[in-house]
Structure formats: C-alpha cells, structure tokens
C-alpha cells in the first residue's frame, strides 16, 4: 500500500508558475514510477509527466519545455514545477504511482490548478 498526498494547487494568471508536491508514504519501495496526471472537465485523464525509480522521465508534449518533474528521495516527495502556465493547463492534477509487481496504480486525492487569462 502506498498513500499519496498532493499539495500546491491554486489560482494563477497566465504566464505564472506553480509547484505541486506529492508526498508518498507506506510501501514506497514498491513504486515503479510516480507521475502527475490531469483531468479537465469533459476530458479524459491524461499523463503530464512521470519519473521512474531508475531516473527515466517522460513528459507529455504539452508539458515539454514548461514543466519539470523532480524528486527528493529523502522525503519521498515528487514535485512538478509548472512554468509559463496557460489557461488550457487548468485541470485537477493527480499524483499517481505505479506499483510493482502487478502494475496497480495508487492515486492521490487531486489538487485544482486554475490558470486565468
């Protein structure tokens, strides 16, 4: 079992920045990757960025060059630094972890990010 708690969402103007945090607890040694997903009203949940335990990073095309995923291993925390935010980035952002050995996903509760134009 892995528990994930997000923080850092909020309201920001276009062009601004936010940093999301995801603190993991429990059986964190089972985590294959920790990632950020988002879901806007009427849209499917989509991957924004993910960071594998071995260091590999994947970004969605919409996030490349603007968002940076990183982690603090000592604190079992993963961050998503979001710069140059656009109104289309408005969504609920979820932290998620894929767990070994079966690939089950553990999800946080979500945090709202709203970018005003």
Protein backbone atom coordinates (compact mmCIF):
# COMPACT_ATOMS: atom_id res chain seq x y z
CA UNK A 1 0.00 0.00 0.00
CA UNK A 2 1.21 3.47 -0.92
CA UNK A 3 -0.53 6.67 0.13
CA UNK A 4 -0.08 9.88 -1.84
CA UNK A 5 -0.89 13.40 -0.66
CA UNK A 6 -0.73 16.33 -3.07
CA UNK A 7 -0.37 20.00 -2.30
CA UNK A 8 0.42 23.20 -4.12
CA UNK A 9 -2.51 23.81 -6.44
CA UNK A 10 -4.24 27.14 -6.74
CA UNK A 11 -5.16 30.06 -8.95
CA UNK A 12 -2.53 31.77 -11.07
CA UNK A 13 -2.51 34.14 -14.01
CA UNK A 14 -1.38 33.02 -17.43
CA UNK A 15 2.39 33.08 -17.65
CA UNK A 16 2.76 32.37 -13.96
CA UNK A 17 4.18 29.39 -12.10
CA UNK A 18 3.07 26.82 -9.57
CA UNK A 19 4.84 23.93 -7.89
CA UNK A 20 2.93 20.83 -6.96
CA UNK A 21 4.17 18.39 -4.33
CA UNK A 22 3.32 14.74 -3.85
CA UNK A 23 4.37 13.09 -0.61
CA UNK A 24 4.37 9.29 -0.60
CA UNK A 25 4.14 7.03 2.42
CA UNK A 26 3.75 3.34 3.05
CA UNK A 27 5.45 0.74 0.88
CA UNK A 28 7.32 3.27 -1.23
CA UNK A 29 9.91 0.66 -2.20
CA UNK A 30 7.27 -0.87 -4.50
CA UNK A 31 6.96 2.27 -6.63
CA UNK A 32 7.98 1.83 -10.27
CA UNK A 33 7.19 5.42 -11.18
CA UNK A 34 5.49 8.46 -9.72
CA UNK A 35 3.68 10.71 -12.09
CA UNK A 36 1.33 13.62 -12.49
CA UNK A 37 -1.90 13.30 -14.41
CA UNK A 38 -4.55 15.91 -15.03
CA UNK A 39 -8.20 15.95 -15.90
CA UNK A 40 -10.12 18.94 -17.19
CA UNK A 41 -13.93 19.00 -17.25
CA UNK A 42 -15.23 16.87 -20.09
CA UNK A 43 -11.80 15.45 -20.85
CA UNK A 44 -10.14 12.17 -20.09
CA UNK A 45 -7.40 11.97 -17.51
CA UNK A 46 -4.02 12.39 -19.19
CA UNK A 47 -0.41 11.91 -18.24
CA UNK A 48 1.55 15.11 -17.73
CA UNK A 49 4.90 13.76 -16.55
CA UNK A 50 6.30 10.73 -14.78
CA UNK A 51 9.55 9.89 -13.06
CA UNK A 52 10.73 6.31 -12.84
CA UNK A 53 12.64 4.98 -9.87
CA UNK A 54 15.64 4.42 -12.14
CA UNK A 55 15.64 8.05 -13.24
CA UNK A 56 13.87 7.97 -16.60
CA UNK A 57 11.48 10.87 -17.17
CA UNK A 58 8.59 11.13 -19.61
CA UNK A 59 6.72 14.34 -20.45
CA UNK A 60 3.56 14.91 -22.41
CA UNK A 61 4.15 17.10 -25.46
CA UNK A 62 2.07 19.82 -23.80
CA UNK A 63 4.42 19.84 -20.81
CA UNK A 64 7.79 19.75 -22.56
CA UNK A 65 9.83 22.89 -22.02
CA UNK A 66 7.44 24.30 -19.42
CA UNK A 67 7.07 21.67 -16.69
CA UNK A 68 9.78 19.91 -14.71
CA UNK A 69 9.30 16.81 -12.60
CA UNK A 70 11.80 16.09 -9.83
CA UNK A 71 12.03 14.29 -6.52
CA UNK A 72 13.51 14.46 -3.06
CA UNK A 73 14.31 10.86 -2.17
CA UNK A 74 14.95 11.64 1.48
CA UNK A 75 11.41 12.99 1.82
CA UNK A 76 9.72 10.55 -0.59
CA UNK A 77 8.32 13.57 -2.36
CA UNK A 78 7.90 14.25 -6.06
CA UNK A 79 7.47 17.77 -7.40
CA UNK A 80 6.00 19.23 -10.56
CA UNK A 81 7.30 22.70 -11.33
CA UNK A 82 4.95 24.34 -13.80
CA UNK A 83 6.14 27.50 -15.55
CA UNK A 84 4.63 29.61 -18.33
CA UNK A 85 1.20 28.35 -17.41
CA UNK A 86 -1.62 28.66 -19.90
CA UNK A 87 -5.40 28.68 -19.40
CA UNK A 88 -5.54 25.27 -21.07
CA UNK A 89 -3.46 23.89 -18.19
CA UNK A 90 -6.50 24.36 -15.95
CA UNK A 91 -7.45 20.97 -14.52
CA UNK A 92 -7.44 18.80 -11.44
CA UNK A 93 -3.94 17.42 -11.10
CA UNK A 94 -3.49 13.97 -9.61
CA UNK A 95 -0.36 12.37 -8.31
CA UNK A 96 -0.16 8.67 -9.04
CA UNK A 97 2.26 5.85 -8.52
CA UNK A 98 2.58 2.61 -10.41
CA UNK A 99 3.40 -0.20 -8.03
CA UNK A 100 5.32 -3.37 -8.58
CA UNK A 101 4.92 -6.21 -9.20
CA UNK A 102 1.43 -6.04 -10.71
CA UNK A 103 1.30 -2.51 -12.08
CA UNK A 104 -1.50 -1.39 -9.77
CA UNK A 105 -1.93 2.37 -9.58
CA UNK A 106 -2.23 4.34 -6.38
CA UNK A 107 -3.81 7.80 -6.65
CA UNK A 108 -3.81 10.96 -4.63
CA UNK A 109 -6.93 12.99 -3.99
CA UNK A 110 -6.16 15.61 -6.62
CA UNK A 111 -5.46 19.31 -6.45
CA UNK A 112 -7.11 22.04 -8.53
CA UNK A 113 -4.98 24.22 -10.78
CA UNK A 114 -6.72 27.18 -12.38
CA UNK A 115 -4.95 29.47 -14.83
CA UNK A 116 -6.74 32.70 -15.63
CA UNK A 117 -6.26 34.56 -18.89
